[in-house]
Amino acid sequence: MVVKITSKRQVTFPARVLDALGVGPGDQLELEEGSDGFILRPRRIDVSRLGGLRDKIPPGCPPFDLQAFREQPYDPSLRD
């Protein structure tokens, strides 16, 4: 599979590649250099580093639904 690099050094991956990696808009990809080249993998949250937040979440708070959050409309003027 060949992908093209734009003049701004951006690359567009085919949808089936991103689906196979399980990533979507706003997710990050990590490039790791190896002896045979680079390995592309999704960047995941290190759950072990979240332990300090446990006391900040009120009891009975439902789990955060990331997919529902992504589907909510947003005000473009609030973008950074």
PDB file of N, CA and C in Angstrom:
ATOM      1  N   MET A   1       0.857  -1.170   0.000  1.00  0.00           N
ATOM      2  CA  MET A   1       0.000   0.000   0.000  1.00  0.00           C
ATOM      3  C   MET A   1       0.901   1.230   0.000  1.00  0.00           C
ATOM      4  N   VAL A   2       0.563   2.185  -0.825  1.00  0.00           N
ATOM      5  CA  VAL A   2       1.334   3.418  -0.949  1.00  0.00           C
ATOM      6  C   VAL A   2       0.439   4.582  -0.544  1.00  0.00           C
ATOM      7  N   VAL A   3       0.974   5.482   0.275  1.00  0.00           N
ATOM      8  CA  VAL A   3       0.261   6.704   0.636  1.00  0.00           C
ATOM      9  C   VAL A   3       1.102   7.887   0.190  1.00  0.00           C
ATOM     10  N   LYS A   4       0.456   8.989  -0.119  1.00  0.00           N
ATOM     11  CA  LYS A   4       1.135  10.175  -0.637  1.00  0.00           C
ATOM     12  C   LYS A   4       1.366  11.174   0.490  1.00  0.00           C
ATOM     13  N   ILE A   5       2.502  11.827   0.460  1.00  0.00           N
ATOM     14  CA  ILE A   5       2.834  12.874   1.426  1.00  0.00           C
ATOM     15  C   ILE A   5       2.580  14.216   0.746  1.00  0.00           C
ATOM     16  N   THR A   6       1.826  15.081   1.408  1.00  0.00           N
ATOM     17  CA  THR A   6       1.519  16.392   0.838  1.00  0.00           C
ATOM     18  C   THR A   6       2.690  17.351   1.050  1.00  0.00           C
ATOM     19  N   SER A   7       2.569  18.550   0.489  1.00  0.00           N
ATOM     20  CA  SER A   7       3.616  19.560   0.654  1.00  0.00           C
ATOM     21  C   SER A   7       3.757  20.000   2.109  1.00  0.00           C
ATOM     22  N   LYS A   8       2.702  19.766   2.915  1.00  0.00           N
ATOM     23  CA  LYS A   8       2.754  20.095   4.346  1.00  0.00           C
ATOM     24  C   LYS A   8       3.186  18.894   5.182  1.00  0.00           C
ATOM     25  N   ARG A   9       3.686  17.848   4.510  1.00  0.00           N
ATOM     26  CA  ARG A   9       4.150  16.610   5.156  1.00  0.00           C
ATOM     27  C   ARG A   9       3.029  15.869   5.877  1.00  0.00           C
ATOM     28  N   GLN A  10       1.829  15.970   5.351  1.00  0.00           N
ATOM     29  CA  GLN A  10       0.687  15.261   5.911  1.00  0.00           C
ATOM     30  C   GLN A  10       0.401  14.020   5.082  1.00  0.00           C
ATOM     31  N   VAL A  11      -0.125  12.999   5.742  1.00  0.00           N
ATOM     32  CA  VAL A  11      -0.437  11.737   5.088  1.00  0.00           C
ATOM     33  C   VAL A  11      -1.885  11.383   5.397  1.00  0.00           C
ATOM     34  N   THR A  12      -2.603  10.888   4.403  1.00  0.00           N
ATOM     35  CA  THR A  12      -3.955  10.394   4.601  1.00  0.00           C
ATOM     36  C   THR A  12      -3.924   8.879   4.492  1.00  0.00           C
ATOM     37  N   PHE A  13      -4.353   8.210   5.546  1.00  0.00           N
ATOM     38  CA  PHE A  13      -4.390   6.752   5.557  1.00  0.00           C
ATOM     39  C   PHE A  13      -5.757   6.277   5.070  1.00  0.00           C
ATOM     40  N   PRO A  14      -5.788   5.180   4.351  1.00  0.00           N
ATOM     41  CA  PRO A  14      -7.082   4.619   3.948  1.00  0.00           C
ATOM     42  C   PRO A  14      -7.922   4.267   5.177  1.00  0.00           C
ATOM     43  N   ALA A  15      -9.238   4.393   5.032  1.00  0.00           N
ATOM     44  CA  ALA A  15     -10.155   4.138   6.144  1.00  0.00           C
ATOM     45  C   ALA A  15      -9.977   2.731   6.704  1.00  0.00           C
ATOM     46  N   ARG A  16      -9.730   1.747   5.851  1.00  0.00           N
ATOM     47  CA  ARG A  16      -9.608   0.372   6.354  1.00  0.00           C
ATOM     48  C   ARG A  16      -8.380   0.198   7.250  1.00  0.00           C
ATOM     49  N   VAL A  17      -7.333   0.990   7.014  1.00  0.00           N
ATOM     50  CA  VAL A  17      -6.145   0.934   7.877  1.00  0.00           C
ATOM     51  C   VAL A  17      -6.481   1.495   9.252  1.00  0.00           C
ATOM     52  N   LEU A  18      -7.152   2.644   9.268  1.00  0.00           N
ATOM     53  CA  LEU A  18      -7.517   3.268  10.544  1.00  0.00           C
ATOM     54  C   LEU A  18      -8.532   2.417  11.300  1.00  0.00           C
ATOM     55  N   ASP A  19      -9.451   1.789  10.564  1.00  0.00           N
ATOM     56  CA  ASP A  19     -10.412   0.882  11.205  1.00  0.00           C
ATOM     57  C   ASP A  19      -9.690  -0.308  11.829  1.00  0.00           C
ATOM     58  N   ALA A  20      -8.710  -0.851  11.130  1.00  0.00           N
ATOM     59  CA  ALA A  20      -7.956  -1.992  11.652  1.00  0.00           C
ATOM     60  C   ALA A  20      -7.162  -1.616  12.899  1.00  0.00           C
ATOM     61  N   LEU A  21      -6.696  -0.364  12.955  1.00  0.00           N
ATOM     62  CA  LEU A  21      -5.965   0.110  14.131  1.00  0.00           C
ATOM     63  C   LEU A  21      -6.911   0.489  15.270  1.00  0.00           C
ATOM     64  N   GLY A  22      -8.188   0.657  14.955  1.00  0.00           N
ATOM     65  CA  GLY A  22      -9.166   1.029  15.973  1.00  0.00           C
ATOM     66  C   GLY A  22      -9.051   2.482  16.390  1.00  0.00           C
ATOM     67  N   VAL A  23      -8.683   3.361  15.463  1.00  0.00           N
ATOM     68  CA  VAL A  23      -8.538   4.777  15.789  1.00  0.00           C
ATOM     69  C   VAL A  23      -9.555   5.598  15.010  1.00  0.00           C
ATOM     70  N   GLY A  24      -9.824   6.783  15.522  1.00  0.00           N
ATOM     71  CA  GLY A  24     -10.767   7.684  14.890  1.00  0.00           C
ATOM     72  C   GLY A  24     -10.308   9.118  15.062  1.00  0.00           C
ATOM     73  N   PRO A  25     -11.150  10.074  14.687  1.00  0.00           N
ATOM     74  CA  PRO A  25     -10.785  11.483  14.804  1.00  0.00           C
ATOM     75  C   PRO A  25     -10.368  11.841  16.227  1.00  0.00           C
ATOM     76  N   GLY A  26      -9.260  12.530  16.344  1.00  0.00           N
ATOM     77  CA  GLY A  26      -8.758  12.962  17.642  1.00  0.00           C
ATOM     78  C   GLY A  26      -7.815  11.970  18.311  1.00  0.00           C
ATOM     79  N   ASP A  27      -7.791  10.732  17.855  1.00  0.00           N
ATOM     80  CA  ASP A  27      -6.868   9.745  18.422  1.00  0.00           C
ATOM     81  C   ASP A  27      -5.452  10.023  17.924  1.00  0.00           C
ATOM     82  N   GLN A  28      -4.489   9.422  18.583  1.00  0.00           N
ATOM     83  CA  GLN A  28      -3.093   9.615  18.203  1.00  0.00           C
ATOM     84  C   GLN A  28      -2.478   8.297  17.763  1.00  0.00           C
ATOM     85  N   LEU A  29      -1.538   8.401  16.828  1.00  0.00           N
ATOM     86  CA  LEU A  29      -0.768   7.253  16.380  1.00  0.00           C
ATOM     87  C   LEU A  29       0.674   7.449  16.820  1.00  0.00           C
ATOM     88  N   GLU A  30       1.324   6.362  17.153  1.00  0.00           N
ATOM     89  CA  GLU A  30       2.706   6.401  17.611  1.00  0.00           C
ATOM     90  C   GLU A  30       3.583   5.694  16.582  1.00  0.00           C
ATOM     91  N   LEU A  31       4.686   6.319  16.216  1.00  0.00           N
ATOM     92  CA  LEU A  31       5.671   5.717  15.329  1.00  0.00           C
ATOM     93  C   LEU A  31       6.852   5.272  16.175  1.00  0.00           C
ATOM     94  N   GLU A  32       7.187   4.008  16.077  1.00  0.00           N
ATOM     95  CA  GLU A  32       8.326   3.474  16.828  1.00  0.00           C
ATOM     96  C   GLU A  32       9.372   2.986  15.833  1.00  0.00           C
ATOM     97  N   GLU A  33      10.590   3.472  15.993  1.00  0.00           N
ATOM     98  CA  GLU A  33      11.658   3.088  15.078  1.00  0.00           C
ATOM     99  C   GLU A  33      12.223   1.736  15.475  1.00  0.00           C
ATOM    100  N   GLY A  34      12.331   0.854  14.502  1.00  0.00           N
ATOM    101  CA  GLY A  34      12.888  -0.471  14.724  1.00  0.00           C
ATOM    102  C   GLY A  34      14.008  -0.736  13.741  1.00  0.00           C
ATOM    103  N   SER A  35      14.584  -1.909  13.809  1.00  0.00           N
ATOM    104  CA  SER A  35      15.710  -2.247  12.927  1.00  0.00           C
ATOM    105  C   SER A  35      15.276  -2.361  11.468  1.00  0.00           C
ATOM    106  N   ASP A  36      14.019  -2.714  11.221  1.00  0.00           N
ATOM    107  CA  ASP A  36      13.522  -2.876   9.852  1.00  0.00           C
ATOM    108  C   ASP A  36      12.749  -1.658   9.350  1.00  0.00           C
ATOM    109  N   GLY A  37      12.680  -0.595  10.121  1.00  0.00           N
ATOM    110  CA  GLY A  37      11.924   0.597   9.731  1.00  0.00           C
ATOM    111  C   GLY A  37      11.084   1.088  10.888  1.00  0.00           C
ATOM    112  N   PHE A  38       9.943   1.644  10.569  1.00  0.00           N
ATOM    113  CA  PHE A  38       9.065   2.202  11.593  1.00  0.00           C
ATOM    114  C   PHE A  38       7.825   1.338  11.760  1.00  0.00           C
ATOM    115  N   ILE A  39       7.333   1.283  12.990  1.00  0.00           N
ATOM    116  CA  ILE A  39       6.111   0.560  13.317  1.00  0.00           C
ATOM    117  C   ILE A  39       5.072   1.601  13.712  1.00  0.00           C
ATOM    118  N   LEU A  40       3.895   1.487  13.131  1.00  0.00           N
ATOM    119  CA  LEU A  40       2.792   2.397  13.419  1.00  0.00           C
ATOM    120  C   LEU A  40       1.799   1.683  14.316  1.00  0.00           C
ATOM    121  N   ARG A  41       1.474   2.310  15.448  1.00  0.00           N
ATOM    122  CA  ARG A  41       0.505   1.701  16.362  1.00  0.00           C
ATOM    123  C   ARG A  41      -0.302   2.798  17.043  1.00  0.00           C
ATOM    124  N   PRO A  42      -1.526   2.467  17.439  1.00  0.00           N
ATOM    125  CA  PRO A  42      -2.339   3.463  18.141  1.00  0.00           C
ATOM    126  C   PRO A  42      -1.729   3.779  19.497  1.00  0.00           C
ATOM    127  N   ARG A  43      -1.825   5.020  19.891  1.00  0.00           N
ATOM    128  CA  ARG A  43      -1.318   5.423  21.201  1.00  0.00           C
ATOM    129  C   ARG A  43      -2.443   5.263  22.204  1.00  0.00           C
ATOM    130  N   ARG A  44      -2.236   4.431  23.167  1.00  0.00           N
ATOM    131  CA  ARG A  44      -3.259   4.121  24.173  1.00  0.00           C
ATOM    132  C   ARG A  44      -2.955   4.840  25.484  1.00  0.00           C
ATOM    133  N   ILE A  45      -3.982   5.006  26.274  1.00  0.00           N
ATOM    134  CA  ILE A  45      -3.823   5.600  27.608  1.00  0.00           C
ATOM    135  C   ILE A  45      -3.202   4.563  28.526  1.00  0.00           C
ATOM    136  N   ASP A  46      -2.183   4.973  29.264  1.00  0.00           N
ATOM    137  CA  ASP A  46      -1.559   4.100  30.251  1.00  0.00           C
ATOM    138  C   ASP A  46      -2.427   4.127  31.506  1.00  0.00           C
ATOM    139  N   VAL A  47      -3.273   3.108  31.653  1.00  0.00           N
ATOM    140  CA  VAL A  47      -4.253   3.065  32.740  1.00  0.00           C
ATOM    141  C   VAL A  47      -3.579   3.101  34.108  1.00  0.00           C
ATOM    142  N   SER A  48      -2.363   2.588  34.220  1.00  0.00           N
ATOM    143  CA  SER A  48      -1.677   2.575  35.513  1.00  0.00           C
ATOM    144  C   SER A  48      -1.385   3.992  36.006  1.00  0.00           C
ATOM    145  N   ARG A  49      -1.348   4.970  35.099  1.00  0.00           N
ATOM    146  CA  ARG A  49      -1.069   6.348  35.504  1.00  0.00           C
ATOM    147  C   ARG A  49      -2.327   7.088  35.946  1.00  0.00           C
ATOM    148  N   LEU A  50      -3.493   6.463  35.853  1.00  0.00           N
ATOM    149  CA  LEU A  50      -4.744   7.120  36.211  1.00  0.00           C
ATOM    150  C   LEU A  50      -5.146   6.891  37.666  1.00  0.00           C
ATOM    151  N   GLY A  51      -4.393   6.089  38.384  1.00  0.00           N
ATOM    152  CA  GLY A  51      -4.730   5.761  39.766  1.00  0.00           C
ATOM    153  C   GLY A  51      -4.897   6.983  40.648  1.00  0.00           C
ATOM    154  N   GLY A  52      -4.128   8.033  40.405  1.00  0.00           N
ATOM    155  CA  GLY A  52      -4.218   9.251  41.206  1.00  0.00           C
ATOM    156  C   GLY A  52      -5.530   9.995  41.025  1.00  0.00           C
ATOM    157  N   LEU A  53      -6.263   9.679  39.980  1.00  0.00           N
ATOM    158  CA  LEU A  53      -7.541  10.350  39.723  1.00  0.00           C
ATOM    159  C   LEU A  53      -8.719   9.665  40.401  1.00  0.00           C
ATOM    160  N   ARG A  54      -8.483   8.478  40.924  1.00  0.00           N
ATOM    161  CA  ARG A  54      -9.569   7.687  41.501  1.00  0.00           C
ATOM    162  C   ARG A  54     -10.336   8.459  42.576  1.00  0.00           C
ATOM    163  N   ASP A  55      -9.640   9.216  43.411  1.00  0.00           N
ATOM    164  CA  ASP A  55     -10.296   9.953  44.500  1.00  0.00           C
ATOM    165  C   ASP A  55     -11.037  11.200  43.999  1.00  0.00           C
ATOM    166  N   LYS A  56     -10.802  11.606  42.770  1.00  0.00           N
ATOM    167  CA  LYS A  56     -11.432  12.808  42.224  1.00  0.00           C
ATOM    168  C   LYS A  56     -12.807  12.525  41.610  1.00  0.00           C
ATOM    169  N   ILE A  57     -13.111  11.253  41.345  1.00  0.00           N
ATOM    170  CA  ILE A  57     -14.381  10.891  40.725  1.00  0.00           C
ATOM    171  C   ILE A  57     -15.411  10.621  41.822  1.00  0.00           C
ATOM    172  N   PRO A  58     -16.541  11.335  41.794  1.00  0.00           N
ATOM    173  CA  PRO A  58     -17.537  11.138  42.836  1.00  0.00           C
ATOM    174  C   PRO A  58     -18.171   9.746  42.752  1.00  0.00           C
ATOM    175  N   PRO A  59     -18.534   9.162  43.895  1.00  0.00           N
ATOM    176  CA  PRO A  59     -19.175   7.843  43.887  1.00  0.00           C
ATOM    177  C   PRO A  59     -20.472   7.870  43.083  1.00  0.00           C
ATOM    178  N   GLY A  60     -20.729   6.807  42.343  1.00  0.00           N
ATOM    179  CA  GLY A  60     -21.945   6.705  41.552  1.00  0.00           C
ATOM    180  C   GLY A  60     -21.883   7.409  40.209  1.00  0.00           C
ATOM    181  N   CYS A  61     -20.752   8.015  39.896  1.00  0.00           N
ATOM    182  CA  CYS A  61     -20.601   8.697  38.613  1.00  0.00           C
ATOM    183  C   CYS A  61     -20.510   7.639  37.505  1.00  0.00           C
ATOM    184  N   PRO A  62     -21.364   7.751  36.461  1.00  0.00           N
ATOM    185  CA  PRO A  62     -21.327   6.737  35.401  1.00  0.00           C
ATOM    186  C   PRO A  62     -20.036   6.831  34.598  1.00  0.00           C
ATOM    187  N   PRO A  63     -19.622   5.741  33.960  1.00  0.00           N
ATOM    188  CA  PRO A  63     -18.411   5.782  33.137  1.00  0.00           C
ATOM    189  C   PRO A  63     -18.583   6.758  31.973  1.00  0.00           C
ATOM    190  N   PHE A  64     -17.497   7.365  31.576  1.00  0.00           N
ATOM    191  CA  PHE A  64     -17.515   8.327  30.474  1.00  0.00           C
ATOM    192  C   PHE A  64     -17.651   7.577  29.155  1.00  0.00           C
ATOM    193  N   ASP A  65     -18.638   7.963  28.339  1.00  0.00           N
ATOM    194  CA  ASP A  65     -18.874   7.325  27.044  1.00  0.00           C
ATOM    195  C   ASP A  65     -18.216   8.163  25.961  1.00  0.00           C
ATOM    196  N   LEU A  66     -17.014   7.767  25.547  1.00  0.00           N
ATOM    197  CA  LEU A  66     -16.247   8.528  24.580  1.00  0.00           C
ATOM    198  C   LEU A  66     -16.963   8.602  23.231  1.00  0.00           C
ATOM    199  N   GLN A  67     -17.570   7.519  22.804  1.00  0.00           N
ATOM    200  CA  GLN A  67     -18.263   7.510  21.509  1.00  0.00           C
ATOM    201  C   GLN A  67     -19.423   8.497  21.510  1.00  0.00           C
ATOM    202  N   ALA A  68     -20.207   8.526  22.570  1.00  0.00           N
ATOM    203  CA  ALA A  68     -21.322   9.476  22.668  1.00  0.00           C
ATOM    204  C   ALA A  68     -20.799  10.912  22.669  1.00  0.00           C
ATOM    205  N   PHE A  69     -19.674  11.140  23.346  1.00  0.00           N
ATOM    206  CA  PHE A  69     -19.064  12.467  23.379  1.00  0.00           C
ATOM    207  C   PHE A  69     -18.643  12.908  21.983  1.00  0.00           C
ATOM    208  N   ARG A  70     -18.045  11.987  21.214  1.00  0.00           N
ATOM    209  CA  ARG A  70     -17.603  12.314  19.858  1.00  0.00           C
ATOM    210  C   ARG A  70     -18.771  12.627  18.937  1.00  0.00           C
ATOM    211  N   GLU A  71     -19.924  12.034  19.179  1.00  0.00           N
ATOM    212  CA  GLU A  71     -21.087  12.224  18.316  1.00  0.00           C
ATOM    213  C   GLU A  71     -21.865  13.498  18.632  1.00  0.00           C
ATOM    214  N   GLN A  72     -21.566  14.147  19.756  1.00  0.00           N
ATOM    215  CA  GLN A  72     -22.275  15.365  20.122  1.00  0.00           C
ATOM    216  C   GLN A  72     -21.849  16.510  19.202  1.00  0.00           C
ATOM    217  N   PRO A  73     -22.799  17.369  18.804  1.00  0.00           N
ATOM    218  CA  PRO A  73     -22.416  18.534  18.001  1.00  0.00           C
ATOM    219  C   PRO A  73     -21.591  19.496  18.859  1.00  0.00           C
ATOM    220  N   TYR A  74     -20.745  20.251  18.206  1.00  0.00           N
ATOM    221  CA  TYR A  74     -19.928  21.210  18.939  1.00  0.00           C
ATOM    222  C   TYR A  74     -19.978  22.561  18.242  1.00  0.00           C
ATOM    223  N   ASP A  75     -19.618  23.584  18.968  1.00  0.00           N
ATOM    224  CA  ASP A  75     -19.580  24.938  18.435  1.00  0.00           C
ATOM    225  C   ASP A  75     -18.184  25.183  17.863  1.00  0.00           C
ATOM    226  N   PRO A  76     -18.043  25.336  16.542  1.00  0.00           N
ATOM    227  CA  PRO A  76     -16.725  25.511  15.937  1.00  0.00           C
ATOM    228  C   PRO A  76     -15.951  26.707  16.494  1.00  0.00           C
ATOM    229  N   SER A  77     -16.644  27.703  17.040  1.00  0.00           N
ATOM    230  CA  SER A  77     -15.943  28.863  17.579  1.00  0.00           C
ATOM    231  C   SER A  77     -15.181  28.532  18.862  1.00  0.00           C
ATOM    232  N   LEU A  78     -15.474  27.360  19.463  1.00  0.00           N
ATOM    233  CA  LEU A  78     -14.789  26.978  20.695  1.00  0.00           C
ATOM    234  C   LEU A  78     -13.486  26.216  20.448  1.00  0.00           C
ATOM    235  N   ARG A  79     -13.203  25.925  19.176  1.00  0.00           N
ATOM    236  CA  ARG A  79     -11.955  25.196  18.859  1.00  0.00           C
ATOM    237  C   ARG A  79     -10.755  26.051  19.194  1.00  0.00           C
ATOM    238  N   ASP A  80      -9.632  25.397  19.526  1.00  0.00           N
ATOM    239  CA  ASP A  80      -8.428  26.145  19.874  1.00  0.00           C
ATOM    240  C   ASP A  80      -7.651  26.553  18.664  1.00  0.00           C
TER     241      ASP A  80
END
